[in-house]
Amino acid sequence: MHLSRIELDLRTARAPYQWHKALWELFPDRPEDERDFLFRLEAAVPGRPALVLLQSRSAPQDGSTRARILAMRTFEPNLANGQELRFRLLANPVRAIKDAGGRLRAAKQANGQALVKSCRVPLLKDEQQLDWLNRKFAGAAEVLAATAANGEPLHFRKPEQPPGKIVPCTFDGVLRVVDSTRLLELLAQGIGPAKAFGCGLLSLARP
């Protein structure tokens, strides 16, 4: 895998959905491929480019007018069961609820029957967020200590869809590796939804 520090021009990539599109420009000639990178906005100061941490299977290439590579290195994590590590994760902790109250329009199946939709609602309390974190790490790592801090809501709009909002949460703490193979899978795949909006990148470091 490759880990890169990217400078992102927020004047031309203002919204979360545009961040993803700008970073995708660092992987040219792949318009039909699925995204194989994760990213996290590390610092953003009004009037200046934002700093982004980018993790990808293939190496990014300079050439985008909106994103510039500042540094890049390859890394192959070597984890061992029982090992204790510090971690950071910017995630979108949510839970799915059914539209029991009819607030969403029911979709129609091919047989004409109504299909009750579900929607995601953010988890905003520390206890809920930490429970979500433990469920995501289950079978891969044991969370020994963690804090959760809510960030500013991110508003976005996808083409032909109503406006959306996510409430990102930064988790910092210490974990113990339970299954190194499974934890490496989480590291590569990312954790939780909203990866296209800068969530899901797990960072690990020795104490």
N, C-alpha and C. Protein backbone atom coordinates (compact mmCIF):
# COMPACT_ATOMS: atom_id res chain seq x y z
N MET A 1 0.84 -1.19 0.00
CA MET A 1 0.00 0.00 0.00
C MET A 1 0.88 1.25 0.00
N HIS A 2 0.26 2.37 -0.34
CA HIS A 2 0.96 3.64 -0.40
C HIS A 2 0.28 4.63 0.54
N LEU A 3 1.10 5.41 1.24
CA LEU A 3 0.60 6.44 2.13
C LEU A 3 1.16 7.78 1.66
N SER A 4 0.26 8.73 1.38
CA SER A 4 0.68 10.00 0.78
C SER A 4 0.11 11.18 1.56
N ARG A 5 0.87 12.26 1.55
CA ARG A 5 0.37 13.54 2.06
C ARG A 5 0.03 14.39 0.85
N ILE A 6 -1.19 14.89 0.82
CA ILE A 6 -1.71 15.60 -0.34
C ILE A 6 -2.12 17.01 0.06
N GLU A 7 -1.87 17.94 -0.84
CA GLU A 7 -2.36 19.30 -0.67
C GLU A 7 -3.58 19.46 -1.58
N LEU A 8 -4.72 19.78 -0.98
CA LEU A 8 -5.98 19.85 -1.71
C LEU A 8 -6.46 21.29 -1.78
N ASP A 9 -6.73 21.77 -2.99
CA ASP A 9 -7.19 23.14 -3.20
C ASP A 9 -8.68 23.23 -2.90
N LEU A 10 -9.03 23.81 -1.78
CA LEU A 10 -10.43 23.89 -1.37
C LEU A 10 -11.20 24.98 -2.12
N ARG A 11 -10.50 25.80 -2.89
CA ARG A 11 -11.22 26.80 -3.68
C ARG A 11 -11.97 26.13 -4.84
N THR A 12 -11.42 25.04 -5.34
CA THR A 12 -12.06 24.33 -6.46
C THR A 12 -12.64 22.99 -6.03
N ALA A 13 -12.39 22.59 -4.80
CA ALA A 13 -12.98 21.36 -4.26
C ALA A 13 -13.53 21.70 -2.89
N ARG A 14 -14.68 22.38 -2.88
CA ARG A 14 -15.21 22.95 -1.65
C ARG A 14 -16.01 21.97 -0.82
N ALA A 15 -16.76 21.11 -1.46
CA ALA A 15 -17.66 20.20 -0.75
C ALA A 15 -17.04 18.81 -0.64
N PRO A 16 -17.47 18.01 0.36
CA PRO A 16 -16.90 16.67 0.54
C PRO A 16 -16.93 15.81 -0.70
N TYR A 17 -18.02 15.88 -1.47
CA TYR A 17 -18.12 15.06 -2.67
C TYR A 17 -17.06 15.48 -3.69
N GLN A 18 -16.71 16.78 -3.71
CA GLN A 18 -15.69 17.28 -4.62
C GLN A 18 -14.29 16.89 -4.17
N TRP A 19 -14.09 16.72 -2.85
CA TRP A 19 -12.78 16.25 -2.37
C TRP A 19 -12.44 14.91 -3.03
N HIS A 20 -13.41 14.01 -2.98
CA HIS A 20 -13.20 12.67 -3.53
C HIS A 20 -12.89 12.73 -5.02
N LYS A 21 -13.62 13.55 -5.76
CA LYS A 21 -13.41 13.65 -7.19
C LYS A 21 -12.04 14.24 -7.50
N ALA A 22 -11.61 15.21 -6.70
CA ALA A 22 -10.29 15.80 -6.92
C ALA A 22 -9.17 14.79 -6.65
N LEU A 23 -9.31 13.99 -5.60
CA LEU A 23 -8.29 12.99 -5.30
C LEU A 23 -8.28 11.89 -6.34
N TRP A 24 -9.45 11.58 -6.90
CA TRP A 24 -9.52 10.56 -7.94
C TRP A 24 -8.72 10.96 -9.18
N GLU A 25 -8.51 12.27 -9.36
CA GLU A 25 -7.70 12.76 -10.48
C GLU A 25 -6.23 12.35 -10.35
N LEU A 26 -5.81 11.96 -9.16
CA LEU A 26 -4.43 11.49 -8.96
C LEU A 26 -4.23 10.06 -9.46
N PHE A 27 -5.31 9.44 -9.91
CA PHE A 27 -5.25 8.07 -10.45
C PHE A 27 -5.83 8.10 -11.86
N PRO A 28 -5.09 8.64 -12.83
CA PRO A 28 -5.64 8.85 -14.17
C PRO A 28 -5.81 7.54 -14.94
N ASP A 29 -6.57 7.64 -16.04
CA ASP A 29 -6.76 6.51 -16.97
C ASP A 29 -7.48 5.34 -16.31
N ARG A 30 -8.29 5.60 -15.28
CA ARG A 30 -9.01 4.52 -14.61
C ARG A 30 -10.47 4.93 -14.38
N PRO A 31 -11.14 5.49 -15.38
CA PRO A 31 -12.50 6.02 -15.14
C PRO A 31 -13.52 4.96 -14.75
N GLU A 32 -13.30 3.70 -15.09
CA GLU A 32 -14.28 2.66 -14.81
C GLU A 32 -13.96 1.86 -13.56
N ASP A 33 -12.80 2.12 -12.95
CA ASP A 33 -12.39 1.36 -11.77
C ASP A 33 -13.17 1.82 -10.54
N GLU A 34 -13.24 0.94 -9.56
CA GLU A 34 -13.80 1.32 -8.27
C GLU A 34 -12.72 2.01 -7.44
N ARG A 35 -13.16 2.88 -6.57
CA ARG A 35 -12.21 3.56 -5.70
C ARG A 35 -11.42 2.55 -4.88
N ASP A 36 -10.11 2.69 -4.85
CA ASP A 36 -9.29 1.81 -4.02
C ASP A 36 -8.41 2.63 -3.07
N PHE A 37 -8.93 3.80 -2.67
CA PHE A 37 -8.16 4.61 -1.73
C PHE A 37 -9.07 5.11 -0.60
N LEU A 38 -8.44 5.44 0.51
CA LEU A 38 -9.09 6.05 1.66
C LEU A 38 -8.38 7.36 1.95
N PHE A 39 -9.08 8.32 2.53
CA PHE A 39 -8.42 9.59 2.82
C PHE A 39 -9.03 10.22 4.06
N ARG A 40 -8.26 11.13 4.63
CA ARG A 40 -8.72 11.87 5.82
C ARG A 40 -8.19 13.29 5.74
N LEU A 41 -9.07 14.25 5.90
CA LEU A 41 -8.67 15.65 5.94
C LEU A 41 -7.98 15.90 7.28
N GLU A 42 -6.69 16.26 7.23
CA GLU A 42 -5.90 16.42 8.45
C GLU A 42 -5.93 17.85 8.98
N ALA A 43 -5.92 18.81 8.09
CA ALA A 43 -5.92 20.21 8.51
C ALA A 43 -6.50 21.07 7.40
N ALA A 44 -7.34 22.01 7.79
CA ALA A 44 -7.94 22.92 6.82
C ALA A 44 -8.03 24.31 7.43
N VAL A 45 -7.37 25.28 6.80
CA VAL A 45 -7.39 26.67 7.25
C VAL A 45 -8.01 27.50 6.14
N PRO A 46 -9.01 28.33 6.45
CA PRO A 46 -9.65 29.13 5.41
C PRO A 46 -8.63 29.92 4.59
N GLY A 47 -8.78 29.86 3.29
CA GLY A 47 -7.90 30.61 2.39
C GLY A 47 -6.62 29.88 2.02
N ARG A 48 -6.42 28.68 2.59
CA ARG A 48 -5.20 27.92 2.28
C ARG A 48 -5.57 26.51 1.86
N PRO A 49 -4.69 25.82 1.11
CA PRO A 49 -4.97 24.42 0.75
C PRO A 49 -5.06 23.54 1.99
N ALA A 50 -5.88 22.51 1.91
CA ALA A 50 -6.03 21.56 3.01
C ALA A 50 -4.98 20.46 2.89
N LEU A 51 -4.58 19.91 4.03
CA LEU A 51 -3.67 18.77 4.05
C LEU A 51 -4.49 17.50 4.21
N VAL A 52 -4.23 16.52 3.36
CA VAL A 52 -4.98 15.28 3.32
C VAL A 52 -4.03 14.10 3.44
N LEU A 53 -4.40 13.11 4.25
CA LEU A 53 -3.68 11.84 4.32
C LEU A 53 -4.41 10.86 3.42
N LEU A 54 -3.68 10.27 2.48
CA LEU A 54 -4.27 9.40 1.47
C LEU A 54 -3.61 8.02 1.54
N GLN A 55 -4.41 6.98 1.66
CA GLN A 55 -3.93 5.59 1.64
C GLN A 55 -4.50 4.92 0.40
N SER A 56 -3.63 4.30 -0.40
CA SER A 56 -4.09 3.73 -1.67
C SER A 56 -3.31 2.46 -2.00
N ARG A 57 -3.96 1.57 -2.76
CA ARG A 57 -3.28 0.35 -3.21
C ARG A 57 -2.28 0.66 -4.32
N SER A 58 -2.64 1.56 -5.22
CA SER A 58 -1.73 1.96 -6.29
C SER A 58 -1.18 3.35 -5.99
N ALA A 59 -0.04 3.66 -6.59
CA ALA A 59 0.61 4.94 -6.31
C ALA A 59 -0.10 6.08 -7.02
N PRO A 60 -0.41 7.17 -6.33
CA PRO A 60 -0.99 8.34 -7.00
C PRO A 60 0.04 8.99 -7.93
N GLN A 61 -0.47 9.76 -8.87
CA GLN A 61 0.40 10.44 -9.83
C GLN A 61 0.03 11.92 -9.89
N ASP A 62 1.05 12.77 -9.84
CA ASP A 62 0.79 14.20 -9.97
C ASP A 62 0.21 14.50 -11.34
N GLY A 63 -0.53 15.58 -11.43
CA GLY A 63 -1.14 15.95 -12.70
C GLY A 63 -2.49 16.61 -12.51
N SER A 64 -3.06 16.48 -11.31
CA SER A 64 -4.33 17.11 -11.01
C SER A 64 -4.12 18.60 -10.77
N THR A 65 -5.08 19.40 -11.19
CA THR A 65 -5.01 20.84 -10.93
C THR A 65 -5.53 21.19 -9.54
N ARG A 66 -6.16 20.21 -8.86
CA ARG A 66 -6.78 20.49 -7.56
C ARG A 66 -6.11 19.79 -6.40
N ALA A 67 -5.25 18.81 -6.68
CA ALA A 67 -4.59 18.05 -5.63
C ALA A 67 -3.12 17.84 -6.01
N ARG A 68 -2.23 18.03 -5.03
CA ARG A 68 -0.80 17.92 -5.30
C ARG A 68 -0.15 17.01 -4.27
N ILE A 69 0.71 16.11 -4.71
CA ILE A 69 1.40 15.18 -3.82
C ILE A 69 2.57 15.89 -3.15
N LEU A 70 2.57 15.91 -1.82
CA LEU A 70 3.67 16.49 -1.07
C LEU A 70 4.71 15.45 -0.69
N ALA A 71 4.27 14.26 -0.35
CA ALA A 71 5.18 13.18 0.04
C ALA A 71 4.46 11.85 -0.13
N MET A 72 5.22 10.78 -0.36
CA MET A 72 4.61 9.46 -0.53
C MET A 72 5.60 8.39 -0.10
N ARG A 73 5.09 7.33 0.53
CA ARG A 73 5.92 6.19 0.88
C ARG A 73 5.07 4.93 0.79
N THR A 74 5.74 3.82 0.59
CA THR A 74 5.04 2.54 0.61
C THR A 74 5.12 1.96 2.02
N PHE A 75 4.14 1.18 2.40
CA PHE A 75 4.21 0.53 3.71
C PHE A 75 3.49 -0.81 3.66
N GLU A 76 4.05 -1.76 4.36
CA GLU A 76 3.47 -3.09 4.49
C GLU A 76 3.38 -3.41 5.98
N PRO A 77 2.23 -3.18 6.59
CA PRO A 77 2.09 -3.38 8.04
C PRO A 77 2.38 -4.82 8.45
N ASN A 78 3.10 -4.97 9.53
CA ASN A 78 3.41 -6.29 10.08
C ASN A 78 2.87 -6.33 11.51
N LEU A 79 1.70 -6.94 11.67
CA LEU A 79 1.04 -6.97 12.96
C LEU A 79 1.12 -8.35 13.58
N ALA A 80 1.09 -8.39 14.90
CA ALA A 80 1.14 -9.66 15.63
C ALA A 80 0.02 -9.70 16.65
N ASN A 81 -0.59 -10.86 16.82
CA ASN A 81 -1.64 -11.02 17.82
C ASN A 81 -1.09 -10.68 19.20
N GLY A 82 -1.84 -9.96 19.98
CA GLY A 82 -1.41 -9.55 21.31
C GLY A 82 -0.69 -8.21 21.33
N GLN A 83 -0.33 -7.70 20.18
CA GLN A 83 0.38 -6.43 20.10
C GLN A 83 -0.55 -5.28 20.46
N GLU A 84 -0.03 -4.30 21.20
CA GLU A 84 -0.80 -3.10 21.54
C GLU A 84 -0.34 -1.94 20.68
N LEU A 85 -1.32 -1.20 20.14
CA LEU A 85 -1.03 -0.11 19.21
C LEU A 85 -1.93 1.08 19.50
N ARG A 86 -1.41 2.26 19.24
CA ARG A 86 -2.24 3.46 19.25
C ARG A 86 -3.00 3.52 17.92
N PHE A 87 -4.20 4.10 17.93
CA PHE A 87 -4.95 4.21 16.70
C PHE A 87 -5.66 5.55 16.62
N ARG A 88 -5.93 5.94 15.39
CA ARG A 88 -6.80 7.10 15.11
C ARG A 88 -7.72 6.70 13.97
N LEU A 89 -8.99 7.08 14.10
CA LEU A 89 -9.99 6.77 13.09
C LEU A 89 -10.99 7.91 13.01
N LEU A 90 -11.11 8.49 11.83
CA LEU A 90 -12.19 9.43 11.57
C LEU A 90 -13.31 8.64 10.90
N ALA A 91 -14.44 8.55 11.54
CA ALA A 91 -15.49 7.65 11.06
C ALA A 91 -16.85 8.36 11.08
N ASN A 92 -17.81 7.67 10.51
CA ASN A 92 -19.20 8.15 10.48
C ASN A 92 -20.08 7.13 11.19
N PRO A 93 -20.09 7.15 12.52
CA PRO A 93 -20.89 6.16 13.26
C PRO A 93 -22.38 6.42 13.11
N VAL A 94 -23.09 5.43 12.59
CA VAL A 94 -24.53 5.58 12.34
C VAL A 94 -25.23 4.27 12.70
N ARG A 95 -26.55 4.35 12.74
CA ARG A 95 -27.36 3.14 12.84
C ARG A 95 -28.51 3.27 11.85
N ALA A 96 -28.98 2.15 11.34
CA ALA A 96 -30.07 2.14 10.38
C ALA A 96 -31.39 1.99 11.11
N ILE A 97 -32.37 2.78 10.71
CA ILE A 97 -33.71 2.67 11.29
C ILE A 97 -34.72 2.51 10.17
N LYS A 98 -35.78 1.77 10.45
CA LYS A 98 -36.85 1.60 9.49
C LYS A 98 -37.76 2.83 9.49
N ASP A 99 -38.36 3.07 8.36
CA ASP A 99 -39.25 4.23 8.21
C ASP A 99 -40.65 3.88 8.71
N ALA A 100 -40.73 3.56 10.00
CA ALA A 100 -42.01 3.13 10.55
C ALA A 100 -43.05 4.24 10.53
N GLY A 101 -42.58 5.50 10.61
CA GLY A 101 -43.53 6.59 10.66
C GLY A 101 -43.94 7.11 9.30
N GLY A 102 -43.43 6.50 8.24
CA GLY A 102 -43.82 6.92 6.91
C GLY A 102 -43.21 8.23 6.46
N ARG A 103 -42.09 8.63 7.08
CA ARG A 103 -41.49 9.91 6.70
C ARG A 103 -40.81 9.81 5.33
N LEU A 104 -40.40 8.60 4.95
CA LEU A 104 -39.81 8.40 3.63
C LEU A 104 -40.82 7.71 2.74
N ARG A 105 -40.79 8.03 1.49
CA ARG A 105 -41.69 7.37 0.55
C ARG A 105 -41.25 5.92 0.34
N ALA A 106 -42.16 5.01 0.39
CA ALA A 106 -41.84 3.59 0.21
C ALA A 106 -41.53 3.32 -1.25
N ALA A 107 -40.51 2.50 -1.47
CA ALA A 107 -40.16 2.10 -2.83
C ALA A 107 -41.08 0.96 -3.26
N LYS A 108 -41.30 0.85 -4.56
CA LYS A 108 -42.15 -0.21 -5.09
C LYS A 108 -41.29 -1.34 -5.66
N GLN A 109 -41.56 -2.56 -5.21
CA GLN A 109 -40.89 -3.71 -5.76
C GLN A 109 -41.53 -4.09 -7.10
N ALA A 110 -40.91 -5.04 -7.80
CA ALA A 110 -41.41 -5.46 -9.11
C ALA A 110 -42.82 -6.03 -9.02
N ASN A 111 -43.15 -6.64 -7.88
CA ASN A 111 -44.48 -7.24 -7.73
C ASN A 111 -45.53 -6.23 -7.27
N GLY A 112 -45.14 -4.97 -7.17
CA GLY A 112 -46.09 -3.93 -6.82
C GLY A 112 -46.24 -3.69 -5.34
N GLN A 113 -45.61 -4.51 -4.49
CA GLN A 113 -45.71 -4.33 -3.05
C GLN A 113 -44.77 -3.21 -2.60
N ALA A 114 -45.18 -2.55 -1.54
CA ALA A 114 -44.36 -1.47 -1.00
C ALA A 114 -43.22 -2.06 -0.17
N LEU A 115 -42.04 -1.48 -0.34
CA LEU A 115 -40.87 -1.89 0.43
C LEU A 115 -40.51 -0.75 1.37
N VAL A 116 -40.61 -1.00 2.67
CA VAL A 116 -40.31 0.05 3.64
C VAL A 116 -38.81 0.34 3.62
N LYS A 117 -38.48 1.60 3.43
CA LYS A 117 -37.09 2.00 3.36
C LYS A 117 -36.49 2.13 4.75
N SER A 118 -35.17 2.10 4.79
CA SER A 118 -34.46 2.40 6.02
C SER A 118 -33.57 3.60 5.76
N CYS A 119 -33.19 4.27 6.83
CA CYS A 119 -32.29 5.42 6.68
C CYS A 119 -31.27 5.36 7.81
N ARG A 120 -30.17 6.06 7.59
CA ARG A 120 -29.11 6.09 8.58
C ARG A 120 -29.22 7.35 9.42
N VAL A 121 -29.08 7.18 10.73
CA VAL A 121 -29.08 8.33 11.63
C VAL A 121 -27.76 8.32 12.39
N PRO A 122 -27.17 9.49 12.62
CA PRO A 122 -25.87 9.55 13.30
C PRO A 122 -25.99 9.20 14.78
N LEU A 123 -24.94 8.59 15.30
CA LEU A 123 -24.81 8.34 16.73
C LEU A 123 -23.99 9.48 17.32
N LEU A 124 -24.56 10.23 18.23
CA LEU A 124 -23.94 11.47 18.70
C LEU A 124 -23.43 11.41 20.13
N LYS A 125 -23.88 10.42 20.90
CA LYS A 125 -23.45 10.31 22.29
C LYS A 125 -22.20 9.43 22.38
N ASP A 126 -21.32 9.77 23.34
CA ASP A 126 -20.06 9.03 23.50
C ASP A 126 -20.30 7.53 23.65
N GLU A 127 -21.24 7.16 24.49
CA GLU A 127 -21.50 5.74 24.75
C GLU A 127 -21.92 5.01 23.48
N GLN A 128 -22.80 5.63 22.70
CA GLN A 128 -23.24 5.03 21.45
C GLN A 128 -22.07 4.90 20.46
N GLN A 129 -21.26 5.93 20.38
CA GLN A 129 -20.14 5.92 19.44
C GLN A 129 -19.11 4.86 19.82
N LEU A 130 -18.82 4.73 21.10
CA LEU A 130 -17.82 3.75 21.53
C LEU A 130 -18.35 2.33 21.37
N ASP A 131 -19.65 2.14 21.59
CA ASP A 131 -20.25 0.83 21.32
C ASP A 131 -20.12 0.48 19.84
N TRP A 132 -20.38 1.45 18.98
CA TRP A 132 -20.24 1.25 17.53
C TRP A 132 -18.80 0.88 17.19
N LEU A 133 -17.85 1.59 17.79
CA LEU A 133 -16.43 1.31 17.54
C LEU A 133 -16.06 -0.11 17.94
N ASN A 134 -16.51 -0.54 19.11
CA ASN A 134 -16.22 -1.91 19.56
C ASN A 134 -16.81 -2.95 18.63
N ARG A 135 -18.01 -2.69 18.12
CA ARG A 135 -18.62 -3.64 17.18
C ARG A 135 -17.81 -3.72 15.88
N LYS A 136 -17.31 -2.60 15.42
CA LYS A 136 -16.54 -2.61 14.18
C LYS A 136 -15.21 -3.34 14.33
N PHE A 137 -14.61 -3.27 15.52
CA PHE A 137 -13.34 -3.94 15.75
C PHE A 137 -13.51 -5.40 16.20
N ALA A 138 -14.74 -5.83 16.46
CA ALA A 138 -14.98 -7.17 17.01
C ALA A 138 -14.33 -8.25 16.14
N GLY A 139 -13.58 -9.13 16.80
CA GLY A 139 -12.92 -10.21 16.10
C GLY A 139 -11.57 -9.84 15.54
N ALA A 140 -11.27 -8.54 15.47
CA ALA A 140 -10.00 -8.08 14.92
C ALA A 140 -9.10 -7.49 16.00
N ALA A 141 -9.70 -6.71 16.90
CA ALA A 141 -8.92 -6.05 17.94
C ALA A 141 -9.81 -5.75 19.14
N GLU A 142 -9.18 -5.64 20.28
CA GLU A 142 -9.87 -5.24 21.51
C GLU A 142 -9.49 -3.80 21.81
N VAL A 143 -10.48 -2.95 21.97
CA VAL A 143 -10.23 -1.55 22.29
C VAL A 143 -9.95 -1.44 23.79
N LEU A 144 -8.74 -1.02 24.14
CA LEU A 144 -8.35 -0.91 25.55
C LEU A 144 -8.71 0.46 26.12
N ALA A 145 -8.63 1.49 25.31
CA ALA A 145 -8.99 2.84 25.74
C ALA A 145 -9.31 3.64 24.49
N ALA A 146 -10.29 4.54 24.59
CA ALA A 146 -10.65 5.34 23.42
C ALA A 146 -11.42 6.58 23.85
N THR A 147 -11.25 7.63 23.09
CA THR A 147 -12.05 8.84 23.23
C THR A 147 -12.73 9.11 21.89
N ALA A 148 -13.86 9.80 21.95
CA ALA A 148 -14.61 10.14 20.74
C ALA A 148 -14.90 11.63 20.75
N ALA A 149 -14.63 12.29 19.62
CA ALA A 149 -14.86 13.73 19.51
C ALA A 149 -15.60 14.02 18.21
N ASN A 150 -16.78 14.62 18.32
CA ASN A 150 -17.55 14.97 17.13
C ASN A 150 -16.93 16.15 16.40
N GLY A 151 -16.95 16.06 15.06
CA GLY A 151 -16.50 17.16 14.24
C GLY A 151 -17.67 17.98 13.73
N GLU A 152 -17.35 18.98 12.92
CA GLU A 152 -18.40 19.79 12.32
C GLU A 152 -19.17 18.96 11.29
N PRO A 153 -20.49 19.10 11.23
CA PRO A 153 -21.26 18.36 10.22
C PRO A 153 -20.77 18.70 8.80
N LEU A 154 -20.77 17.70 7.94
CA LEU A 154 -20.40 17.88 6.54
C LEU A 154 -21.66 17.77 5.69
N HIS A 155 -21.93 18.79 4.92
CA HIS A 155 -23.11 18.80 4.05
C HIS A 155 -22.68 18.48 2.63
N PHE A 156 -23.47 17.71 1.94
CA PHE A 156 -23.12 17.32 0.58
C PHE A 156 -24.38 17.12 -0.24
N ARG A 157 -24.19 17.08 -1.53
CA ARG A 157 -25.30 16.79 -2.44
C ARG A 157 -24.77 15.95 -3.57
N LYS A 158 -25.34 14.75 -3.74
CA LYS A 158 -25.02 13.89 -4.87
C LYS A 158 -25.94 14.24 -6.04
N PRO A 159 -25.47 13.99 -7.27
CA PRO A 159 -26.33 14.29 -8.42
C PRO A 159 -27.68 13.59 -8.32
N GLU A 160 -28.74 14.34 -8.56
CA GLU A 160 -30.10 13.83 -8.61
C GLU A 160 -30.56 13.24 -7.28
N GLN A 161 -29.98 13.69 -6.17
CA GLN A 161 -30.40 13.24 -4.85
C GLN A 161 -30.57 14.45 -3.94
N PRO A 162 -31.42 14.32 -2.90
CA PRO A 162 -31.59 15.44 -1.96
C PRO A 162 -30.32 15.69 -1.17
N PRO A 163 -30.18 16.87 -0.58
CA PRO A 163 -28.98 17.16 0.22
C PRO A 163 -28.81 16.16 1.36
N GLY A 164 -27.57 15.90 1.72
CA GLY A 164 -27.27 14.98 2.81
C GLY A 164 -26.32 15.61 3.82
N LYS A 165 -26.18 14.95 4.95
CA LYS A 165 -25.31 15.45 6.01
C LYS A 165 -24.74 14.27 6.77
N ILE A 166 -23.45 14.34 7.09
CA ILE A 166 -22.84 13.36 7.99
C ILE A 166 -22.18 14.12 9.14
N VAL A 167 -22.07 13.45 10.27
CA VAL A 167 -21.41 14.03 11.44
C VAL A 167 -20.20 13.16 11.76
N PRO A 168 -19.01 13.54 11.28
CA PRO A 168 -17.83 12.71 11.51
C PRO A 168 -17.40 12.74 12.97
N CYS A 169 -16.78 11.65 13.37
CA CYS A 169 -16.31 11.51 14.75
C CYS A 169 -14.87 10.99 14.73
N THR A 170 -14.00 11.63 15.47
CA THR A 170 -12.61 11.20 15.56
C THR A 170 -12.42 10.35 16.80
N PHE A 171 -11.96 9.11 16.59
CA PHE A 171 -11.64 8.20 17.68
C PHE A 171 -10.12 8.15 17.84
N ASP A 172 -9.65 8.31 19.07
CA ASP A 172 -8.24 8.13 19.41
C ASP A 172 -8.16 7.17 20.58
N GLY A 173 -7.18 6.26 20.53
CA GLY A 173 -7.08 5.32 21.65
C GLY A 173 -6.00 4.29 21.45
N VAL A 174 -6.15 3.22 22.22
CA VAL A 174 -5.19 2.11 22.22
C VAL A 174 -5.97 0.82 22.03
N LEU A 175 -5.44 -0.06 21.19
CA LEU A 175 -6.09 -1.35 20.96
C LEU A 175 -5.08 -2.48 21.11
N ARG A 176 -5.61 -3.68 21.30
CA ARG A 176 -4.78 -4.89 21.33
C ARG A 176 -5.20 -5.77 20.15
N VAL A 177 -4.25 -6.22 19.36
CA VAL A 177 -4.55 -7.03 18.18
C VAL A 177 -5.04 -8.41 18.63
N VAL A 178 -6.22 -8.81 18.13
CA VAL A 178 -6.78 -10.13 18.40
C VAL A 178 -6.55 -11.07 17.23
N ASP A 179 -6.82 -10.58 16.03
CA ASP A 179 -6.62 -11.35 14.80
C ASP A 179 -5.94 -10.41 13.80
N SER A 180 -4.63 -10.60 13.62
CA SER A 180 -3.86 -9.67 12.80
C SER A 180 -4.35 -9.66 11.35
N THR A 181 -4.77 -10.81 10.84
CA THR A 181 -5.25 -10.86 9.46
C THR A 181 -6.52 -10.03 9.29
N ARG A 182 -7.43 -10.18 10.22
CA ARG A 182 -8.69 -9.43 10.16
C ARG A 182 -8.43 -7.93 10.33
N LEU A 183 -7.51 -7.56 11.22
CA LEU A 183 -7.23 -6.14 11.42
C LEU A 183 -6.59 -5.54 10.17
N LEU A 184 -5.74 -6.29 9.49
CA LEU A 184 -5.15 -5.81 8.24
C LEU A 184 -6.23 -5.60 7.18
N GLU A 185 -7.25 -6.46 7.19
CA GLU A 185 -8.36 -6.28 6.25
C GLU A 185 -9.10 -4.97 6.54
N LEU A 186 -9.34 -4.68 7.82
CA LEU A 186 -10.00 -3.42 8.18
C LEU A 186 -9.14 -2.23 7.79
N LEU A 187 -7.84 -2.37 7.97
CA LEU A 187 -6.91 -1.30 7.62
C LEU A 187 -6.99 -1.01 6.12
N ALA A 188 -7.06 -2.05 5.31
CA ALA A 188 -7.09 -1.88 3.85
C ALA A 188 -8.46 -1.42 3.35
N GLN A 189 -9.53 -1.94 3.96
CA GLN A 189 -10.88 -1.66 3.46
C GLN A 189 -11.48 -0.38 4.04
N GLY A 190 -11.01 0.02 5.21
CA GLY A 190 -11.63 1.14 5.90
C GLY A 190 -12.78 0.68 6.78
N ILE A 191 -13.21 1.55 7.67
CA ILE A 191 -14.21 1.20 8.67
C ILE A 191 -15.40 2.14 8.59
N GLY A 192 -16.58 1.55 8.43
CA GLY A 192 -17.81 2.33 8.45
C GLY A 192 -18.14 2.97 7.11
N PRO A 193 -19.29 3.67 7.05
CA PRO A 193 -19.73 4.31 5.81
C PRO A 193 -19.08 5.67 5.57
N ALA A 194 -19.45 6.29 4.45
CA ALA A 194 -19.02 7.64 4.07
C ALA A 194 -17.53 7.71 3.75
N LYS A 195 -16.98 6.65 3.20
CA LYS A 195 -15.57 6.66 2.82
C LYS A 195 -15.29 7.66 1.71
N ALA A 196 -16.27 7.88 0.83
CA ALA A 196 -16.09 8.85 -0.25
C ALA A 196 -16.04 10.28 0.27
N PHE A 197 -16.38 10.48 1.53
CA PHE A 197 -16.38 11.81 2.12
C PHE A 197 -15.29 11.96 3.19
N GLY A 198 -14.29 11.10 3.14
CA GLY A 198 -13.14 11.26 4.03
C GLY A 198 -13.21 10.49 5.33
N CYS A 199 -14.12 9.54 5.45
CA CYS A 199 -14.23 8.73 6.67
C CYS A 199 -13.69 7.32 6.42
N GLY A 200 -13.32 6.65 7.51
CA GLY A 200 -12.98 5.23 7.42
C GLY A 200 -11.51 4.89 7.47
N LEU A 201 -10.60 5.87 7.31
CA LEU A 201 -9.18 5.58 7.31
C LEU A 201 -8.68 5.33 8.73
N LEU A 202 -8.14 4.13 8.95
CA LEU A 202 -7.59 3.74 10.25
C LEU A 202 -6.08 3.91 10.24
N SER A 203 -5.55 4.65 11.22
CA SER A 203 -4.11 4.82 11.36
C SER A 203 -3.64 4.11 12.62
N LEU A 204 -2.55 3.36 12.50
CA LEU A 204 -1.99 2.60 13.61
C LEU A 204 -0.54 3.04 13.85
N ALA A 205 -0.13 3.05 15.12
CA ALA A 205 1.24 3.41 15.47
C ALA A 205 1.63 2.69 16.75
N ARG A 206 2.90 2.47 16.90
CA ARG A 206 3.37 1.86 18.15
C ARG A 206 3.28 2.86 19.29
N PRO A 207 3.05 2.35 20.50
CA PRO A 207 2.93 3.26 21.66
C PRO A 207 4.18 4.11 21.86
